[in-house]
C-alpha atoms as a PDB file:
ATOM      1  CA  MET A   1      -7.516  34.623 120.817  1.00  0.00           C
ATOM      2  CA  VAL A   2      -3.799  33.711 121.216  1.00  0.00           C
ATOM      3  CA  PHE A   3      -4.480  30.381 119.844  1.00  0.00           C
ATOM      4  CA  THR A   4      -6.330  31.857 116.797  1.00  0.00           C
ATOM      5  CA  SER A   5      -3.368  34.223 116.127  1.00  0.00           C
ATOM      6  CA  VAL A   6      -0.854  31.508 116.172  1.00  0.00           C
ATOM      7  CA  GLY A   7      -3.000  29.283 114.033  1.00  0.00           C
ATOM      8  CA  ARG A   8      -3.464  32.247 111.435  1.00  0.00           C
ATOM      9  CA  ALA A   9       0.230  32.818 111.359  1.00  0.00           C
ATOM     10  CA  ALA A  10       0.855  29.361 110.707  1.00  0.00           C
ATOM     11  CA  ALA A  11      -1.569  29.465 107.640  1.00  0.00           C
ATOM     12  CA  VAL A  12       0.067  32.544 106.275  1.00  0.00           C
ATOM     13  CA  LEU A  13       3.483  30.943 106.491  1.00  0.00           C
ATOM     14  CA  LEU A  14       2.502  27.808 104.863  1.00  0.00           C
ATOM     15  CA  ALA A  15       0.872  29.567 102.029  1.00  0.00           C
ATOM     16  CA  LEU A  16       3.915  31.664 101.296  1.00  0.00           C
ATOM     17  CA  GLY A  17       6.039  28.407 101.776  1.00  0.00           C
ATOM     18  CA  ALA A  18       4.141  26.680  99.160  1.00  0.00           C
ATOM     19  CA  LEU A  19       4.375  29.561  96.752  1.00  0.00           C
ATOM     20  CA  ALA A  20       8.087  29.823  97.198  1.00  0.00           C
ATOM     21  CA  TYR A  21       8.455  25.952  96.561  1.00  0.00           C
ATOM     22  CA  THR A  22       7.060  26.411  93.186  1.00  0.00           C
ATOM     23  CA  ALA A  23       9.750  28.918  92.096  1.00  0.00           C
ATOM     24  CA  TRP A  24      11.068  26.423  89.575  1.00  0.00           C
ATOM     25  CA  VAL A  25       8.137  27.079  87.214  1.00  0.00           C
ATOM     26  CA  LEU A  26       9.965  30.215  86.345  1.00  0.00           C
ATOM     27  CA  GLU A  27      11.837  28.013  84.095  1.00  0.00           C
ATOM     28  CA  VAL A  28       9.028  28.248  81.679  1.00  0.00           C
ATOM     29  CA  VAL A  29       9.756  31.872  80.982  1.00  0.00           C
ATOM     30  CA  LEU A  30      13.486  32.115  82.063  1.00  0.00           C
ATOM     31  CA  ARG A  31      16.257  30.508  79.735  1.00  0.00           C
ATOM     32  CA  THR A  32      17.888  28.153  82.079  1.00  0.00           C
ATOM     33  CA  GLY A  33      19.376  25.818  79.253  1.00  0.00           C
ATOM     34  CA  LEU A  34      17.948  22.734  81.259  1.00  0.00           C
ATOM     35  CA  ASP A  35      15.364  20.420  79.825  1.00  0.00           C
ATOM     36  CA  PRO A  36      12.531  20.273  82.391  1.00  0.00           C
ATOM     37  CA  VAL A  37      11.453  16.915  81.121  1.00  0.00           C
ATOM     38  CA  ARG A  38      14.855  15.325  81.584  1.00  0.00           C
ATOM     39  CA  THR A  39      16.768  17.193  84.293  1.00  0.00           C
ATOM     40  CA  TYR A  40      16.703  17.229  88.073  1.00  0.00           C
ATOM     41  CA  VAL A  41      14.928  20.215  89.754  1.00  0.00           C
ATOM     42  CA  SER A  42      17.954  20.614  91.955  1.00  0.00           C
ATOM     43  CA  GLU A  43      20.082  21.197  88.819  1.00  0.00           C
ATOM     44  CA  LEU A  44      18.598  24.614  88.512  1.00  0.00           C
ATOM     45  CA  ALA A  45      20.409  25.709  91.589  1.00  0.00           C
ATOM     46  CA  ALA A  46      23.700  23.946  90.681  1.00  0.00           C
ATOM     47  CA  ALA A  47      26.725  26.131  91.404  1.00  0.00           C
ATOM     48  CA  ASP A  48      27.576  26.379  87.642  1.00  0.00           C
ATOM     49  CA  GLN A  49      24.013  27.326  86.475  1.00  0.00           C
ATOM     50  CA  PRO A  50      23.518  31.156  85.653  1.00  0.00           C
ATOM     51  CA  LEU A  51      20.417  31.295  87.634  1.00  0.00           C
ATOM     52  CA  GLY A  52      21.602  29.119  90.425  1.00  0.00           C
ATOM     53  CA  GLY A  53      21.591  31.844  92.873  1.00  0.00           C
ATOM     54  CA  LEU A  54      18.100  32.622  92.379  1.00  0.00           C
ATOM     55  CA  PHE A  55      16.912  29.159  92.885  1.00  0.00           C
ATOM     56  CA  ARG A  56      19.040  28.585  95.981  1.00  0.00           C
ATOM     57  CA  ALA A  57      17.521  31.692  97.400  1.00  0.00           C
ATOM     58  CA  THR A  58      13.866  30.507  96.701  1.00  0.00           C
ATOM     59  CA  ASP A  59      14.604  26.939  98.094  1.00  0.00           C
ATOM     60  CA  LEU A  60      16.023  28.635 101.177  1.00  0.00           C
ATOM     61  CA  THR A  61      13.146  30.902 101.503  1.00  0.00           C
ATOM     62  CA  ALA A  62      10.563  28.020 101.015  1.00  0.00           C
ATOM     63  CA  GLY A  63      12.216  25.839 103.737  1.00  0.00           C
ATOM     64  CA  LEU A  64      12.262  28.543 106.364  1.00  0.00           C
ATOM     65  CA  LEU A  65       8.586  29.565 105.704  1.00  0.00           C
ATOM     66  CA  VAL A  66       7.614  25.973 106.081  1.00  0.00           C
ATOM     67  CA  LEU A  67       9.656  25.310 109.143  1.00  0.00           C
ATOM     68  CA  ALA A  68       8.376  28.563 110.611  1.00  0.00           C
ATOM     69  CA  GLY A  69       4.827  27.552 109.651  1.00  0.00           C
ATOM     70  CA  ALA A  70       5.208  24.001 111.151  1.00  0.00           C
ATOM     71  CA  THR A  71       6.679  25.339 114.447  1.00  0.00           C
ATOM     72  CA  ALA A  72       3.705  27.808 114.622  1.00  0.00           C
ATOM     73  CA  GLY A  73       1.432  24.892 114.050  1.00  0.00           C
ATOM     74  CA  LEU A  74       3.129  22.824 116.919  1.00  0.00           C
ATOM     75  CA  ALA A  75       2.876  25.900 119.190  1.00  0.00           C
ATOM     76  CA  ALA A  76      -0.984  26.248 118.322  1.00  0.00           C
ATOM     77  CA  THR A  77      -1.720  22.464 119.097  1.00  0.00           C
ATOM     78  CA  ALA A  78       0.047  22.675 122.551  1.00  0.00           C
ATOM     79  CA  ARG A  79      -2.627  25.102 123.996  1.00  0.00           C
ATOM     80  CA  ARG A  80      -5.988  26.010 123.864  1.00  0.00           C
ATOM     81  CA  ALA A  81      -7.764  29.348 124.037  1.00  0.00           C
ATOM     82  CA  ASP A  82     -10.224  28.176 126.641  1.00  0.00           C
ATOM     83  CA  ALA A  83      -7.482  26.586 128.859  1.00  0.00           C
ATOM     84  CA  ARG A  84      -9.137  23.074 128.617  1.00  0.00           C
ATOM     85  CA  PRO A  85      -6.720  20.121 128.439  1.00  0.00           C
ATOM     86  CA  VAL A  86      -5.238  19.636 124.873  1.00  0.00           C
ATOM     87  CA  PRO A  87      -6.508  16.314 123.439  1.00  0.00           C
ATOM     88  CA  ARG A  88      -3.894  13.746 122.387  1.00  0.00           C
ATOM     89  CA  ARG A  89      -3.515  13.766 118.811  1.00  0.00           C
ATOM     90  CA  PRO A  90      -0.438  11.851 117.907  1.00  0.00           C
ATOM     91  CA  TRP A  91      -1.109  11.906 113.909  1.00  0.00           C
ATOM     92  CA  LEU A  92      -1.237  15.813 114.163  1.00  0.00           C
ATOM     93  CA  ARG A  93       1.760  16.215 116.202  1.00  0.00           C
ATOM     94  CA  GLY A  94       3.804  13.608 114.255  1.00  0.00           C
ATOM     95  CA  GLY A  95       2.747  15.239 111.021  1.00  0.00           C
ATOM     96  CA  LEU A  96       3.828  18.679 112.000  1.00  0.00           C
ATOM     97  CA  LEU A  97       7.212  17.323 113.294  1.00  0.00           C
ATOM     98  CA  ALA A  98       7.526  15.698 109.803  1.00  0.00           C
ATOM     99  CA  LEU A  99       6.638  19.019 108.132  1.00  0.00           C
ATOM    100  CA  ALA A 100       9.229  20.672 110.253  1.00  0.00           C
ATOM    101  CA  LEU A 101      11.799  18.094 109.123  1.00  0.00           C
ATOM    102  CA  PHE A 102      10.705  18.674 105.534  1.00  0.00           C
ATOM    103  CA  GLY A 103      11.418  22.538 105.960  1.00  0.00           C
ATOM    104  CA  ALA A 104      14.613  22.081 107.703  1.00  0.00           C
ATOM    105  CA  ALA A 105      15.968  19.530 105.114  1.00  0.00           C
ATOM    106  CA  THR A 106      14.927  22.059 102.395  1.00  0.00           C
ATOM    107  CA  VAL A 107      16.947  24.848 104.077  1.00  0.00           C
ATOM    108  CA  ALA A 108      19.923  22.456 104.083  1.00  0.00           C
ATOM    109  CA  ASP A 109      19.312  21.498 100.395  1.00  0.00           C
ATOM    110  CA  SER A 110      19.610  25.123  99.439  1.00  0.00           C
ATOM    111  CA  ARG A 111      22.903  25.477 101.268  1.00  0.00           C
ATOM    112  CA  LEU A 112      24.340  22.221  99.728  1.00  0.00           C
ATOM    113  CA  PRO A 113      23.822  22.842  95.975  1.00  0.00           C
ATOM    114  CA  LEU A 114      25.371  20.429  93.140  1.00  0.00           C
ATOM    115  CA  SER A 115      28.561  21.744  91.694  1.00  0.00           C
ATOM    116  CA  CYS A 116      27.378  20.777  88.194  1.00  0.00           C
ATOM    117  CA  ALA A 117      24.461  19.350  86.390  1.00  0.00           C
ATOM    118  CA  PRO A 118      25.049  15.596  85.861  1.00  0.00           C
ATOM    119  CA  THR A 119      22.043  14.931  83.489  1.00  0.00           C
ATOM    120  CA  VAL A 120      23.217  17.190  80.804  1.00  0.00           C
ATOM    121  CA  ASP A 121      26.909  17.379  81.389  1.00  0.00           C
ATOM    122  CA  PRO A 122      28.702  14.036  80.701  1.00  0.00           C
ATOM    123  CA  GLU A 123      31.804  15.278  82.260  1.00  0.00           C
ATOM    124  CA  CYS A 124      30.017  16.171  85.389  1.00  0.00           C
ATOM    125  CA  ALA A 125      28.326  12.714  85.362  1.00  0.00           C
ATOM    126  CA  ALA A 126      31.751  10.855  84.875  1.00  0.00           C
ATOM    127  CA  ARG A 127      33.070  12.891  87.897  1.00  0.00           C
ATOM    128  CA  GLU A 128      30.191  12.050  89.973  1.00  0.00           C
ATOM    129  CA  THR A 129      30.305   8.381  89.101  1.00  0.00           C
ATOM    130  CA  ALA A 130      34.314   8.370  90.042  1.00  0.00           C
ATOM    131  CA  GLY A 131      33.623  10.352  93.311  1.00  0.00           C
ATOM    132  CA  LEU A 132      35.616  13.299  92.099  1.00  0.00           C
ATOM    133  CA  VAL A 133      33.016  15.784  92.838  1.00  0.00           C
ATOM    134  CA  PRO A 134      32.589  18.039  96.039  1.00  0.00           C
ATOM    135  CA  ALA A 135      31.178  16.482  99.092  1.00  0.00           C
ATOM    136  CA  THR A 136      28.312  18.577  98.617  1.00  0.00           C
ATOM    137  CA  HIS A 137      26.879  16.169  95.966  1.00  0.00           C
ATOM    138  CA  ALA A 138      26.643  13.390  98.513  1.00  0.00           C
ATOM    139  CA  ALA A 139      25.308  15.629 101.167  1.00  0.00           C
ATOM    140  CA  HIS A 140      22.682  17.154  98.817  1.00  0.00           C
ATOM    141  CA  ALA A 141      21.535  13.675  98.172  1.00  0.00           C
ATOM    142  CA  VAL A 142      21.029  13.052 101.742  1.00  0.00           C
ATOM    143  CA  SER A 143      19.277  16.366 102.533  1.00  0.00           C
ATOM    144  CA  SER A 144      16.968  15.806  99.239  1.00  0.00           C
ATOM    145  CA  THR A 145      16.236  12.363 100.861  1.00  0.00           C
ATOM    146  CA  LEU A 146      15.267  13.741 104.155  1.00  0.00           C
ATOM    147  CA  ALA A 147      13.255  16.518 102.646  1.00  0.00           C
ATOM    148  CA  MET A 148      11.025  14.194 100.503  1.00  0.00           C
ATOM    149  CA  THR A 149      10.810  11.632 103.469  1.00  0.00           C
ATOM    150  CA  GLY A 150       9.615  14.470 105.651  1.00  0.00           C
ATOM    151  CA  ALA A 151       7.088  15.743 103.055  1.00  0.00           C
ATOM    152  CA  LEU A 152       5.621  12.305 102.537  1.00  0.00           C
ATOM    153  CA  ALA A 153       5.297  11.638 106.127  1.00  0.00           C
ATOM    154  CA  ALA A 154       3.714  14.987 106.771  1.00  0.00           C
ATOM    155  CA  MET A 155       1.225  14.586 103.726  1.00  0.00           C
ATOM    156  CA  LEU A 156       0.216  11.020 105.112  1.00  0.00           C
ATOM    157  CA  ALA A 157      -0.033  11.892 108.791  1.00  0.00           C
ATOM    158  CA  LEU A 158      -1.620  15.349 108.530  1.00  0.00           C
ATOM    159  CA  THR A 159      -4.107  14.024 106.080  1.00  0.00           C
ATOM    160  CA  VAL A 160      -5.135  11.129 108.284  1.00  0.00           C
ATOM    161  CA  ALA A 161      -5.247  13.576 111.253  1.00  0.00           C
ATOM    162  CA  ALA A 162      -7.645  15.675 109.385  1.00  0.00           C
ATOM    163  CA  ARG A 163     -10.008  12.750 108.730  1.00  0.00           C
ATOM    164  CA  ARG A 164      -9.553  11.162 112.160  1.00  0.00           C
ATOM    165  CA  TYR A 165      -9.853  14.298 114.243  1.00  0.00           C
ATOM    166  CA  GLY A 166     -12.659  15.951 112.230  1.00  0.00           C
ATOM    167  CA  ILE A 167     -10.530  19.121 111.549  1.00  0.00           C
ATOM    168  CA  TRP A 168      -9.436  20.912 108.286  1.00  0.00           C
ATOM    169  CA  ALA A 169     -12.320  19.928 105.981  1.00  0.00           C
ATOM    170  CA  PRO A 170     -10.801  20.785 102.691  1.00  0.00           C
ATOM    171  CA  LEU A 171      -7.703  18.531 103.632  1.00  0.00           C
ATOM    172  CA  ALA A 172      -9.705  15.854 104.816  1.00  0.00           C
ATOM    173  CA  ARG A 173     -11.879  15.701 101.733  1.00  0.00           C
ATOM    174  CA  LEU A 174      -9.005  16.448  98.986  1.00  0.00           C
ATOM    175  CA  GLY A 175      -5.925  15.299 100.859  1.00  0.00           C
ATOM    176  CA  PRO A 176      -6.157  11.458 100.259  1.00  0.00           C
ATOM    177  CA  ALA A 177      -6.135  12.044  96.422  1.00  0.00           C
ATOM    178  CA  LEU A 178      -2.874  14.335  96.579  1.00  0.00           C
ATOM    179  CA  VAL A 179      -1.301  11.664  98.865  1.00  0.00           C
ATOM    180  CA  VAL A 180      -1.949   8.911  96.198  1.00  0.00           C
ATOM    181  CA  ALA A 181      -0.555  11.157  93.526  1.00  0.00           C
ATOM    182  CA  GLU A 182       2.596  12.036  95.529  1.00  0.00           C
ATOM    183  CA  PHE A 183       3.423   8.424  96.108  1.00  0.00           C
ATOM    184  CA  ALA A 184       2.790   7.633  92.547  1.00  0.00           C
ATOM    185  CA  ALA A 185       5.100  10.516  91.390  1.00  0.00           C
ATOM    186  CA  THR A 186       7.669   9.423  93.853  1.00  0.00           C
ATOM    187  CA  ALA A 187       7.758   5.800  92.585  1.00  0.00           C
ATOM    188  CA  TRP A 188       8.105   7.312  88.894  1.00  0.00           C
ATOM    189  CA  THR A 189      11.001   9.673  90.069  1.00  0.00           C
ATOM    190  CA  LEU A 190      12.748   6.771  91.831  1.00  0.00           C
ATOM    191  CA  ALA A 191      12.515   4.270  89.128  1.00  0.00           C
ATOM    192  CA  ALA A 192      13.820   7.083  86.616  1.00  0.00           C
ATOM    193  CA  VAL A 193      16.832   7.933  88.955  1.00  0.00           C
ATOM    194  CA  ALA A 194      17.645   4.279  89.198  1.00  0.00           C
ATOM    195  CA  ALA A 195      17.571   3.961  85.456  1.00  0.00           C
ATOM    196  CA  PHE A 196      19.742   7.015  84.902  1.00  0.00           C
ATOM    197  CA  GLU A 197      22.252   5.772  87.324  1.00  0.00           C
ATOM    198  CA  ALA A 198      22.292   2.354  85.745  1.00  0.00           C
ATOM    199  CA  GLY A 199      23.335   4.037  82.394  1.00  0.00           C
ATOM    200  CA  GLY A 200      19.842   4.025  80.894  1.00  0.00           C
ATOM    201  CA  GLY A 201      19.326   7.664  80.207  1.00  0.00           C
ATOM    202  CA  THR A 202      17.344  10.187  82.052  1.00  0.00           C
ATOM    203  CA  SER A 203      14.086   9.418  80.068  1.00  0.00           C
ATOM    204  CA  SER A 204      11.541  11.441  81.976  1.00  0.00           C
ATOM    205  CA  LEU A 205      13.152  11.940  85.246  1.00  0.00           C
ATOM    206  CA  GLY A 206      12.626  15.645  85.127  1.00  0.00           C
ATOM    207  CA  ALA A 207       9.046  15.332  84.561  1.00  0.00           C
ATOM    208  CA  GLY A 208       8.499  12.902  87.370  1.00  0.00           C
ATOM    209  CA  GLN A 209      10.459  15.000  89.915  1.00  0.00           C
ATOM    210  CA  ARG A 210       8.538  18.056  88.932  1.00  0.00           C
ATOM    211  CA  LEU A 211       5.318  16.412  89.454  1.00  0.00           C
ATOM    212  CA  GLN A 212       6.530  15.197  92.752  1.00  0.00           C
ATOM    213  CA  VAL A 213       7.525  18.634  93.941  1.00  0.00           C
ATOM    214  CA  LEU A 214       4.372  20.300  92.370  1.00  0.00           C
ATOM    215  CA  VAL A 215       1.946  17.829  94.207  1.00  0.00           C
ATOM    216  CA  VAL A 216       3.808  18.716  97.601  1.00  0.00           C
ATOM    217  CA  ALA A 217       3.245  22.449  96.764  1.00  0.00           C
ATOM    218  CA  LEU A 218      -0.376  22.002  96.035  1.00  0.00           C
ATOM    219  CA  TRP A 219      -0.764  19.922  99.367  1.00  0.00           C
ATOM    220  CA  LEU A 220       0.976  22.748 101.203  1.00  0.00           C
ATOM    221  CA  GLY A 221      -1.367  25.325  99.905  1.00  0.00           C
ATOM    222  CA  LEU A 222      -4.453  22.948 100.612  1.00  0.00           C
ATOM    223  CA  LEU A 223      -3.089  22.659 104.151  1.00  0.00           C
ATOM    224  CA  ALA A 224      -2.662  26.476 104.591  1.00  0.00           C
ATOM    225  CA  HIS A 225      -6.186  27.115 103.269  1.00  0.00           C
ATOM    226  CA  SER A 226      -7.520  24.323 105.559  1.00  0.00           C
ATOM    227  CA  VAL A 227      -5.908  26.000 108.657  1.00  0.00           C
ATOM    228  CA  ARG A 228      -7.040  29.223 107.799  1.00  0.00           C
ATOM    229  CA  GLN A 229     -10.688  28.257 107.303  1.00  0.00           C
ATOM    230  CA  GLU A 230     -10.826  26.525 110.560  1.00  0.00           C
ATOM    231  CA  GLU A 231      -9.111  29.445 112.469  1.00  0.00           C
ATOM    232  CA  THR A 232     -11.538  31.782 110.800  1.00  0.00           C
ATOM    233  CA  ALA A 233     -14.450  29.704 112.048  1.00  0.00           C
ATOM    234  CA  ARG A 234     -12.918  29.447 115.554  1.00  0.00           C
ATOM    235  CA  ARG A 235     -12.643  33.196 115.695  1.00  0.00           C
ATOM    236  CA  ARG A 236     -16.182  33.743 114.779  1.00  0.00           C
ATOM    237  CA  SER A 237     -17.166  31.295 117.319  1.00  0.00           C
ATOM    238  CA  VAL A 238     -15.364  32.961 120.129  1.00  0.00           C
ATOM    239  CA  ARG A 239     -16.799  36.392 119.007  1.00  0.00           C
ATOM    240  CA  GLU A 240     -20.349  35.073 119.182  1.00  0.00           C
ATOM    241  CA  ARG A 241     -19.983  33.075 122.358  1.00  0.00           C
ATOM    242  CA  PRO A 242     -20.378  36.310 124.701  1.00  0.00           C
ATOM    243  CA  ARG A 243     -23.437  37.277 122.800  1.00  0.00           C
ATOM    244  CA  SER A 244     -25.127  33.988 123.146  1.00  0.00           C
ATOM    245  CA  GLU A 245     -24.161  33.822 126.639  1.00  0.00           C
ATOM    246  CA  GLU A 246     -25.737  37.344 127.422  1.00  0.00           C
ATOM    247  CA  GLN A 247     -28.706  36.298 125.500  1.00  0.00           C
ATOM    248  CA  GLY A 248     -29.176  33.328 127.712  1.00  0.00           C
ATOM    249  CA  ARG A 249     -28.646  35.448 130.885  1.00  0.00           C
ATOM    250  CA  ALA A 250     -31.265  37.948 129.456  1.00  0.00           C
ATOM    251  CA  GLY A 251     -33.631  35.094 128.869  1.00  0.00           C
ATOM    252  CA  ALA A 252     -33.227  33.636 132.339  1.00  0.00           C
ATOM    253  CA  ARG A 253     -33.939  37.127 133.865  1.00  0.00           C
ATOM    254  CA  ALA A 254     -37.013  37.423 131.830  1.00  0.00           C
ATOM    255  CA  GLY A 255     -37.994  34.221 133.141  1.00  0.00           C
ATOM    256  CA  GLU A 256     -37.440  34.940 136.657  1.00  0.00           C
ATOM    257  CA  ARG A 257     -39.510  38.290 136.245  1.00  0.00           C
ATOM    258  CA  GLU A 258     -42.362  36.389 134.591  1.00  0.00           C
ATOM    259  CA  ARG A 259     -42.361  34.017 137.458  1.00  0.00           C
ATOM    260  CA  GLY A 260     -42.352  36.814 140.186  1.00  0.00           C
ATOM    261  CA  GLN A 261     -45.359  38.501 138.495  1.00  0.00           C
ATOM    262  CA  ARG A 262     -47.464  35.323 138.781  1.00  0.00           C
END
């Protein structure tokens, strides 16, 4: 039952992490002053934004929850309830490590906010180009890159693991479509960022990046659901095993009595 408990905890942590990672949708009902089609998601958490503290807190929460969920997942895969040897599953372990990287880098992201919003503030963009912004801008770029690299690697590896090892049926079925969507959204975002940095305007940079983080959140939710479903099935199996064993022993005793009467 220890294995099942840890697995269920991982599912809950990942589900909550997915929810926290979608906190940026609050911009639909809150007045942020930023255009969601044109601006970076991370600009919501910039130091000079009125709601920056809120979005930094939700990013921190999301990162901590995903990191804890990935750690719990690693613990669950390190042992089995029946004490049998743990099978070698490199795609599974590698994917969970990448997920932990995503969580840790998201935590770092929340602690390294932009000082201003370069896509809407020409003065901020000019200072950034001239290298006159705080070092957190460069550090934020690194942590953001690590976070998205971890997310992409985790999505790919754990989806492959689900299909290769016959686990997490919902993820095995729907995961490939989300992985393709994530790589497409990432390509869109990178192209828009390159155009912006070359002086070509923001275009639909914000829409591409919001699609990118939305697909990650959907995939996290799907992973949490898949883990929960499998752990529930495993728990039911553990409960029913003693009953079936007792029925088998009862059947054997009945057979022995029948042979004795003959």
